[in-house]
């Protein structure tokens, strides 16, 4: 059964330090200047479990660096993606979410609220993906995305249904 990775929490300083070290090495190797804004943007994504979108990253970075602009955050996210330090997870509620966890893993996505979390135990099989898409091109990465209704949304919806029935209304 898939479960959230215990090692991928904001409290895991070792993982965060490992990601920040990779960030610094990658920028140096690419001869890209390490700025405070780039560092803050990457660190914000790297420390979070929720795979934030650009707006969430902007709000968090802006609270610590009031002069940072949305454009700076968007450009930093694009650069970090191009350098292979962030993986865009695709559209979720009209925005792209980012993940700094680069090791192969899969995701759970709530269809109601968009909550996204890492899961393991499913194993996106690159070999099987390569065989399936060989006639289209090559496969570089395979990920499994489990979509469902998270517990919070399920409880919220169950509460609404109960309230509607007790008032005699319909949905």
C-alpha atoms as a PDB file:
ATOM      1  CA  UNK A   1       0.000   0.000   0.000  1.00  0.00           C
ATOM      2  CA  UNK A   2       1.295   3.470  -0.874  1.00  0.00           C
ATOM      3  CA  UNK A   3       2.047   5.824   1.962  1.00  0.00           C
ATOM      4  CA  UNK A   4       3.563   9.236   2.341  1.00  0.00           C
ATOM      5  CA  UNK A   5       7.339   9.153   2.662  1.00  0.00           C
ATOM      6  CA  UNK A   6       8.334   9.852   6.232  1.00  0.00           C
ATOM      7  CA  UNK A   7      11.746  11.124   5.083  1.00  0.00           C
ATOM      8  CA  UNK A   8      10.230  13.861   2.898  1.00  0.00           C
ATOM      9  CA  UNK A   9       9.073  16.216   5.613  1.00  0.00           C
ATOM     10  CA  UNK A  10       9.958  19.805   6.360  1.00  0.00           C
ATOM     11  CA  UNK A  11      11.481  18.553   9.617  1.00  0.00           C
ATOM     12  CA  UNK A  12      14.068  16.456   7.766  1.00  0.00           C
ATOM     13  CA  UNK A  13      17.064  18.805   7.870  1.00  0.00           C
ATOM     14  CA  UNK A  14      19.358  16.242   6.238  1.00  0.00           C
ATOM     15  CA  UNK A  15      17.167  16.040   3.104  1.00  0.00           C
ATOM     16  CA  UNK A  16      16.890  19.811   2.906  1.00  0.00           C
ATOM     17  CA  UNK A  17      20.650  20.238   3.319  1.00  0.00           C
ATOM     18  CA  UNK A  18      21.254  17.589   0.643  1.00  0.00           C
ATOM     19  CA  UNK A  19      18.937  19.419  -1.772  1.00  0.00           C
ATOM     20  CA  UNK A  20      20.529  22.797  -0.996  1.00  0.00           C
ATOM     21  CA  UNK A  21      23.987  21.304  -1.597  1.00  0.00           C
ATOM     22  CA  UNK A  22      22.817  19.930  -4.966  1.00  0.00           C
ATOM     23  CA  UNK A  23      21.374  23.372  -5.760  1.00  0.00           C
ATOM     24  CA  UNK A  24      24.699  25.104  -5.078  1.00  0.00           C
ATOM     25  CA  UNK A  25      26.755  22.515  -6.999  1.00  0.00           C
ATOM     26  CA  UNK A  26      24.400  22.630  -9.983  1.00  0.00           C
ATOM     27  CA  UNK A  27      24.483  26.430 -10.217  1.00  0.00           C
ATOM     28  CA  UNK A  28      28.289  26.440  -9.934  1.00  0.00           C
ATOM     29  CA  UNK A  29      28.652  23.740 -12.601  1.00  0.00           C
ATOM     30  CA  UNK A  30      26.329  25.673 -14.944  1.00  0.00           C
ATOM     31  CA  UNK A  31      28.222  28.906 -14.192  1.00  0.00           C
ATOM     32  CA  UNK A  32      24.994  30.519 -12.953  1.00  0.00           C
ATOM     33  CA  UNK A  33      25.271  33.162 -10.249  1.00  0.00           C
ATOM     34  CA  UNK A  34      23.864  32.116  -6.878  1.00  0.00           C
ATOM     35  CA  UNK A  35      21.632  35.006  -5.822  1.00  0.00           C
ATOM     36  CA  UNK A  36      19.711  35.390  -2.592  1.00  0.00           C
ATOM     37  CA  UNK A  37      16.456  35.329  -4.558  1.00  0.00           C
ATOM     38  CA  UNK A  38      17.293  32.059  -6.363  1.00  0.00           C
ATOM     39  CA  UNK A  39      18.377  30.502  -3.094  1.00  0.00           C
ATOM     40  CA  UNK A  40      15.161  31.596  -1.349  1.00  0.00           C
ATOM     41  CA  UNK A  41      12.968  30.310  -4.197  1.00  0.00           C
ATOM     42  CA  UNK A  42      14.676  26.915  -4.322  1.00  0.00           C
ATOM     43  CA  UNK A  43      14.734  26.555  -0.535  1.00  0.00           C
ATOM     44  CA  UNK A  44      11.018  27.315  -0.333  1.00  0.00           C
ATOM     45  CA  UNK A  45      10.180  24.523  -2.774  1.00  0.00           C
ATOM     46  CA  UNK A  46      12.748  22.123  -1.301  1.00  0.00           C
ATOM     47  CA  UNK A  47      11.437  22.375   2.267  1.00  0.00           C
ATOM     48  CA  UNK A  48       7.736  21.958   1.516  1.00  0.00           C
ATOM     49  CA  UNK A  49       5.571  18.863   1.240  1.00  0.00           C
ATOM     50  CA  UNK A  50       2.748  20.466  -0.714  1.00  0.00           C
ATOM     51  CA  UNK A  51       4.485  20.967  -4.091  1.00  0.00           C
ATOM     52  CA  UNK A  52       3.767  24.704  -4.198  1.00  0.00           C
ATOM     53  CA  UNK A  53       2.774  26.638  -7.284  1.00  0.00           C
ATOM     54  CA  UNK A  54       4.554  29.850  -8.304  1.00  0.00           C
ATOM     55  CA  UNK A  55       2.122  32.083  -6.417  1.00  0.00           C
ATOM     56  CA  UNK A  56       2.624  30.178  -3.140  1.00  0.00           C
ATOM     57  CA  UNK A  57       6.403  30.362  -3.603  1.00  0.00           C
ATOM     58  CA  UNK A  58       6.154  34.088  -4.331  1.00  0.00           C
ATOM     59  CA  UNK A  59       4.062  34.774  -1.207  1.00  0.00           C
ATOM     60  CA  UNK A  60       6.467  32.830   1.025  1.00  0.00           C
ATOM     61  CA  UNK A  61       9.626  34.376  -0.425  1.00  0.00           C
ATOM     62  CA  UNK A  62       8.075  37.859  -0.480  1.00  0.00           C
ATOM     63  CA  UNK A  63       7.286  37.648   3.243  1.00  0.00           C
ATOM     64  CA  UNK A  64      11.023  37.251   3.926  1.00  0.00           C
ATOM     65  CA  UNK A  65      12.210  39.476   1.039  1.00  0.00           C
ATOM     66  CA  UNK A  66       9.599  42.219   0.566  1.00  0.00           C
ATOM     67  CA  UNK A  67      11.342  43.656  -2.497  1.00  0.00           C
ATOM     68  CA  UNK A  68      11.220  40.406  -4.527  1.00  0.00           C
ATOM     69  CA  UNK A  69       8.902  40.567  -7.539  1.00  0.00           C
ATOM     70  CA  UNK A  70       6.611  37.918  -9.000  1.00  0.00           C
ATOM     71  CA  UNK A  71       8.654  38.108 -12.196  1.00  0.00           C
ATOM     72  CA  UNK A  72      11.860  37.305 -10.301  1.00  0.00           C
ATOM     73  CA  UNK A  73      10.211  34.284  -8.677  1.00  0.00           C
ATOM     74  CA  UNK A  74       8.810  33.052 -12.009  1.00  0.00           C
ATOM     75  CA  UNK A  75      12.185  33.489 -13.740  1.00  0.00           C
ATOM     76  CA  UNK A  76      13.961  31.692 -10.877  1.00  0.00           C
ATOM     77  CA  UNK A  77      11.502  28.787 -11.035  1.00  0.00           C
ATOM     78  CA  UNK A  78      11.992  28.543 -14.804  1.00  0.00           C
ATOM     79  CA  UNK A  79      15.781  28.581 -14.461  1.00  0.00           C
ATOM     80  CA  UNK A  80      15.725  25.964 -11.699  1.00  0.00           C
ATOM     81  CA  UNK A  81      13.461  23.778 -13.847  1.00  0.00           C
ATOM     82  CA  UNK A  82      15.796  24.198 -16.840  1.00  0.00           C
ATOM     83  CA  UNK A  83      18.778  23.213 -14.658  1.00  0.00           C
ATOM     84  CA  UNK A  84      16.958  20.035 -13.591  1.00  0.00           C
ATOM     85  CA  UNK A  85      16.612  21.127  -9.967  1.00  0.00           C
ATOM     86  CA  UNK A  86      12.811  21.302 -10.020  1.00  0.00           C
ATOM     87  CA  UNK A  87      10.281  19.091 -11.718  1.00  0.00           C
ATOM     88  CA  UNK A  88       7.053  20.725 -12.869  1.00  0.00           C
ATOM     89  CA  UNK A  89       4.121  18.518 -11.967  1.00  0.00           C
ATOM     90  CA  UNK A  90       1.697  19.867 -14.533  1.00  0.00           C
ATOM     91  CA  UNK A  91      -1.444  21.925 -14.287  1.00  0.00           C
ATOM     92  CA  UNK A  92      -3.305  21.764 -10.997  1.00  0.00           C
ATOM     93  CA  UNK A  93      -6.118  24.235 -10.622  1.00  0.00           C
ATOM     94  CA  UNK A  94      -4.716  26.445 -13.417  1.00  0.00           C
ATOM     95  CA  UNK A  95      -1.139  26.521 -12.107  1.00  0.00           C
ATOM     96  CA  UNK A  96       2.011  24.454 -12.354  1.00  0.00           C
ATOM     97  CA  UNK A  97       3.297  22.972  -9.118  1.00  0.00           C
ATOM     98  CA  UNK A  98       6.969  22.309  -8.422  1.00  0.00           C
ATOM     99  CA  UNK A  99       8.825  19.456  -6.708  1.00  0.00           C
ATOM    100  CA  UNK A 100      12.464  19.512  -5.567  1.00  0.00           C
ATOM    101  CA  UNK A 101      12.419  15.810  -4.675  1.00  0.00           C
ATOM    102  CA  UNK A 102      14.289  14.477  -7.718  1.00  0.00           C
ATOM    103  CA  UNK A 103      14.550  10.794  -6.832  1.00  0.00           C
ATOM    104  CA  UNK A 104      11.949   8.632  -8.622  1.00  0.00           C
ATOM    105  CA  UNK A 105       8.650   8.765  -6.752  1.00  0.00           C
ATOM    106  CA  UNK A 106       4.943   9.103  -7.373  1.00  0.00           C
ATOM    107  CA  UNK A 107       2.178  11.507  -6.321  1.00  0.00           C
ATOM    108  CA  UNK A 108      -1.271  11.583  -4.804  1.00  0.00           C
ATOM    109  CA  UNK A 109      -3.446  14.491  -6.009  1.00  0.00           C
ATOM    110  CA  UNK A 110      -6.827  15.460  -4.559  1.00  0.00           C
ATOM    111  CA  UNK A 111      -9.278  16.208  -7.351  1.00  0.00           C
ATOM    112  CA  UNK A 112     -11.175  18.681  -5.147  1.00  0.00           C
ATOM    113  CA  UNK A 113      -8.572  20.894  -3.454  1.00  0.00           C
ATOM    114  CA  UNK A 114      -5.434  20.035  -5.446  1.00  0.00           C
ATOM    115  CA  UNK A 115      -3.476  18.845  -2.386  1.00  0.00           C
ATOM    116  CA  UNK A 116      -0.415  16.983  -3.725  1.00  0.00           C
ATOM    117  CA  UNK A 117       1.846  14.677  -1.715  1.00  0.00           C
ATOM    118  CA  UNK A 118       4.677  12.281  -2.471  1.00  0.00           C
ATOM    119  CA  UNK A 119       3.874   8.593  -2.173  1.00  0.00           C
ATOM    120  CA  UNK A 120       5.937   5.491  -2.694  1.00  0.00           C
ATOM    121  CA  UNK A 121       5.280   1.859  -3.319  1.00  0.00           C
ATOM    122  CA  UNK A 122       3.843   2.241  -6.831  1.00  0.00           C
ATOM    123  CA  UNK A 123       7.072   2.479  -8.834  1.00  0.00           C
ATOM    124  CA  UNK A 124       6.666   4.348 -12.092  1.00  0.00           C
ATOM    125  CA  UNK A 125       8.325   1.738 -14.294  1.00  0.00           C
ATOM    126  CA  UNK A 126      10.532   3.473 -16.890  1.00  0.00           C
ATOM    127  CA  UNK A 127      11.083   0.183 -18.736  1.00  0.00           C
ATOM    128  CA  UNK A 128       7.361  -0.389 -19.167  1.00  0.00           C
ATOM    129  CA  UNK A 129       6.859   3.252 -20.139  1.00  0.00           C
ATOM    130  CA  UNK A 130       9.628   2.981 -22.748  1.00  0.00           C
ATOM    131  CA  UNK A 131       7.987  -0.086 -24.251  1.00  0.00           C
ATOM    132  CA  UNK A 132       4.592   1.645 -24.315  1.00  0.00           C
ATOM    133  CA  UNK A 133       5.779   4.845 -25.966  1.00  0.00           C
ATOM    134  CA  UNK A 134       8.574   3.472 -28.122  1.00  0.00           C
ATOM    135  CA  UNK A 135       6.566   4.068 -31.297  1.00  0.00           C
ATOM    136  CA  UNK A 136       6.138   7.742 -30.270  1.00  0.00           C
ATOM    137  CA  UNK A 137       9.655   8.484 -28.999  1.00  0.00           C
ATOM    138  CA  UNK A 138      11.830   7.830 -25.984  1.00  0.00           C
ATOM    139  CA  UNK A 139      10.846   7.834 -22.313  1.00  0.00           C
ATOM    140  CA  UNK A 140      13.006   9.819 -19.924  1.00  0.00           C
ATOM    141  CA  UNK A 141      10.911   9.647 -16.766  1.00  0.00           C
ATOM    142  CA  UNK A 142       7.854   7.704 -15.616  1.00  0.00           C
ATOM    143  CA  UNK A 143       5.638   8.834 -12.770  1.00  0.00           C
ATOM    144  CA  UNK A 144       2.422   7.519 -11.337  1.00  0.00           C
ATOM    145  CA  UNK A 145      -0.166  10.070 -10.284  1.00  0.00           C
ATOM    146  CA  UNK A 146      -2.930   8.721  -8.089  1.00  0.00           C
ATOM    147  CA  UNK A 147      -5.964  10.974  -8.195  1.00  0.00           C
ATOM    148  CA  UNK A 148      -8.661  10.851  -5.568  1.00  0.00           C
ATOM    149  CA  UNK A 149     -10.499  12.775  -2.875  1.00  0.00           C
ATOM    150  CA  UNK A 150      -8.386  13.560   0.194  1.00  0.00           C
ATOM    151  CA  UNK A 151      -9.692  12.869   3.685  1.00  0.00           C
ATOM    152  CA  UNK A 152     -10.271  16.547   4.451  1.00  0.00           C
ATOM    153  CA  UNK A 153     -12.410  17.045   1.330  1.00  0.00           C
ATOM    154  CA  UNK A 154     -14.247  13.745   1.909  1.00  0.00           C
ATOM    155  CA  UNK A 155     -15.166  14.778   5.459  1.00  0.00           C
ATOM    156  CA  UNK A 156     -16.197  18.239   4.233  1.00  0.00           C
ATOM    157  CA  UNK A 157     -18.386  16.721   1.503  1.00  0.00           C
ATOM    158  CA  UNK A 158     -19.902  14.184   3.901  1.00  0.00           C
ATOM    159  CA  UNK A 159     -20.766  17.041   6.259  1.00  0.00           C
ATOM    160  CA  UNK A 160     -22.477  18.963   3.448  1.00  0.00           C
ATOM    161  CA  UNK A 161     -24.503  15.903   2.440  1.00  0.00           C
ATOM    162  CA  UNK A 162     -25.586  15.332   6.038  1.00  0.00           C
ATOM    163  CA  UNK A 163     -26.597  19.001   6.425  1.00  0.00           C
ATOM    164  CA  UNK A 164     -28.536  18.937   3.144  1.00  0.00           C
ATOM    165  CA  UNK A 165     -30.445  15.768   4.125  1.00  0.00           C
ATOM    166  CA  UNK A 166     -31.314  17.046   7.616  1.00  0.00           C
ATOM    167  CA  UNK A 167     -32.698  20.283   6.149  1.00  0.00           C
ATOM    168  CA  UNK A 168     -34.698  18.345   3.565  1.00  0.00           C
ATOM    169  CA  UNK A 169     -32.888  19.948   0.622  1.00  0.00           C
ATOM    170  CA  UNK A 170     -31.455  18.384  -2.482  1.00  0.00           C
ATOM    171  CA  UNK A 171     -28.102  18.589  -4.061  1.00  0.00           C
END
